[in-house]
C-alpha atoms as a PDB file:
ATOM      1  CA  MET A   1     190.416  90.391-129.219  1.00  0.00           C
ATOM      2  CA  VAL A   2     192.263  92.584-126.761  1.00  0.00           C
ATOM      3  CA  LEU A   3     191.197  92.246-123.124  1.00  0.00           C
ATOM      4  CA  PRO A   4     191.408  95.044-120.559  1.00  0.00           C
ATOM      5  CA  ALA A   5     194.445  95.152-118.279  1.00  0.00           C
ATOM      6  CA  LYS A   6     194.698  92.474-115.560  1.00  0.00           C
ATOM      7  CA  ASP A   7     194.268  95.052-112.793  1.00  0.00           C
ATOM      8  CA  VAL A   8     190.907  95.977-114.373  1.00  0.00           C
ATOM      9  CA  LEU A   9     189.849  92.342-114.931  1.00  0.00           C
ATOM     10  CA  ALA A  10     190.631  91.590-111.284  1.00  0.00           C
ATOM     11  CA  HIS A  11     187.437  93.540-110.444  1.00  0.00           C
ATOM     12  CA  VAL A  12     185.189  91.656-112.891  1.00  0.00           C
ATOM     13  CA  VAL A  13     182.857  88.927-111.608  1.00  0.00           C
ATOM     14  CA  ASP A  14     180.745  86.577-113.717  1.00  0.00           C
ATOM     15  CA  VAL A  15     177.644  86.618-111.512  1.00  0.00           C
ATOM     16  CA  HIS A  16     175.706  83.914-113.332  1.00  0.00           C
ATOM     17  CA  CYS A  17     178.083  81.040-114.000  1.00  0.00           C
ATOM     18  CA  HIS A  18     176.920  77.417-114.342  1.00  0.00           C
ATOM     19  CA  PRO A  19     180.226  75.535-114.166  1.00  0.00           C
ATOM     20  CA  THR A  20     178.539  72.123-114.053  1.00  0.00           C
ATOM     21  CA  ASP A  21     177.076  72.496-117.554  1.00  0.00           C
ATOM     22  CA  ASN A  22     180.561  71.951-119.008  1.00  0.00           C
ATOM     23  CA  GLU A  23     183.580  70.420-117.318  1.00  0.00           C
ATOM     24  CA  ILE A  24     185.990  73.049-115.988  1.00  0.00           C
ATOM     25  CA  GLY A  25     189.503  71.946-115.135  1.00  0.00           C
ATOM     26  CA  ALA A  26     191.516  73.299-112.218  1.00  0.00           C
ATOM     27  CA  GLU A  27     194.030  74.841-114.631  1.00  0.00           C
ATOM     28  CA  ASP A  28     191.192  76.658-116.413  1.00  0.00           C
ATOM     29  CA  VAL A  29     189.930  78.192-113.189  1.00  0.00           C
ATOM     30  CA  ALA A  30     193.447  79.127-112.051  1.00  0.00           C
ATOM     31  CA  SER A  31     194.092  80.958-115.316  1.00  0.00           C
ATOM     32  CA  LEU A  32     190.926  83.063-115.186  1.00  0.00           C
ATOM     33  CA  PRO A  33     191.561  86.801-114.895  1.00  0.00           C
ATOM     34  CA  ILE A  34     188.101  87.223-113.273  1.00  0.00           C
ATOM     35  CA  ARG A  35     186.075  85.712-110.398  1.00  0.00           C
ATOM     36  CA  LEU A  36     183.033  83.474-110.766  1.00  0.00           C
ATOM     37  CA  CYS A  37     179.842  83.300-108.740  1.00  0.00           C
ATOM     38  CA  ALA A  38     179.024  79.691-109.444  1.00  0.00           C
ATOM     39  CA  MET A  39     175.569  78.148-109.164  1.00  0.00           C
ATOM     40  CA  ALA A  40     174.150  74.741-109.880  1.00  0.00           C
ATOM     41  CA  THR A  41     171.924  74.035-112.850  1.00  0.00           C
ATOM     42  CA  ARG A  42     170.210  71.133-111.100  1.00  0.00           C
ATOM     43  CA  ALA A  43     169.811  70.315-107.406  1.00  0.00           C
ATOM     44  CA  ASP A  44     172.272  67.431-107.623  1.00  0.00           C
ATOM     45  CA  ASP A  45     174.961  69.827-108.938  1.00  0.00           C
ATOM     46  CA  GLN A  46     175.247  71.599-105.572  1.00  0.00           C
ATOM     47  CA  ALA A  47     178.083  69.366-104.354  1.00  0.00           C
ATOM     48  CA  LYS A  48     180.040  69.897-107.582  1.00  0.00           C
ATOM     49  CA  VAL A  49     179.721  73.673-107.298  1.00  0.00           C
ATOM     50  CA  ALA A  50     180.701  73.606-103.615  1.00  0.00           C
ATOM     51  CA  ASP A  51     183.736  71.453-104.471  1.00  0.00           C
ATOM     52  CA  LEU A  52     184.802  73.872-107.223  1.00  0.00           C
ATOM     53  CA  ALA A  53     184.523  76.814-104.809  1.00  0.00           C
ATOM     54  CA  THR A  54     186.402  74.982-102.041  1.00  0.00           C
ATOM     55  CA  LYS A  55     189.249  74.089-104.384  1.00  0.00           C
ATOM     56  CA  ASN A  56     189.432  77.607-105.882  1.00  0.00           C
ATOM     57  CA  PRO A  57     188.604  80.126-103.134  1.00  0.00           C
ATOM     58  CA  LYS A  58     190.452  82.989-104.839  1.00  0.00           C
ATOM     59  CA  ARG A  59     188.459  82.603-108.058  1.00  0.00           C
ATOM     60  CA  VAL A  60     185.080  81.026-107.219  1.00  0.00           C
ATOM     61  CA  ASN A  61     182.248  82.053-104.887  1.00  0.00           C
ATOM     62  CA  ASN A  62     179.637  79.365-104.249  1.00  0.00           C
ATOM     63  CA  MET A  63     176.157  80.838-104.656  1.00  0.00           C
ATOM     64  CA  VAL A  64     174.512  77.847-102.893  1.00  0.00           C
ATOM     65  CA  THR A  65     171.550  78.002-105.212  1.00  0.00           C
ATOM     66  CA  HIS A  66     170.476  76.741-108.584  1.00  0.00           C
ATOM     67  CA  SER A  67     168.961  78.516-111.520  1.00  0.00           C
ATOM     68  CA  TYR A  68     165.256  79.199-111.042  1.00  0.00           C
ATOM     69  CA  GLY A  69     164.566  78.271-114.662  1.00  0.00           C
ATOM     70  CA  PHE A  70     165.554  74.698-113.945  1.00  0.00           C
ATOM     71  CA  SER A  71     163.881  74.452-110.547  1.00  0.00           C
ATOM     72  CA  SER A  72     160.324  75.302-111.524  1.00  0.00           C
ATOM     73  CA  THR A  73     157.685  72.627-111.003  1.00  0.00           C
ATOM     74  CA  ASN A  74     155.388  74.168-113.612  1.00  0.00           C
END
């Protein structure tokens, strides 16, 4: 697969990323050609997402929320 040029990918943001569902290493985040808007899957994932964003401010925005599908009480 051929990806678009890096100057194009620099404008792409994954706006629904759950980085706590699978372990993401620092080298993985650093090598991303795009940005992430990270959110927790569960309430206790908030600290993990905040830590990922703090360690990778050029690549990760912390959404300070968790997916509504996992937060429902119904």
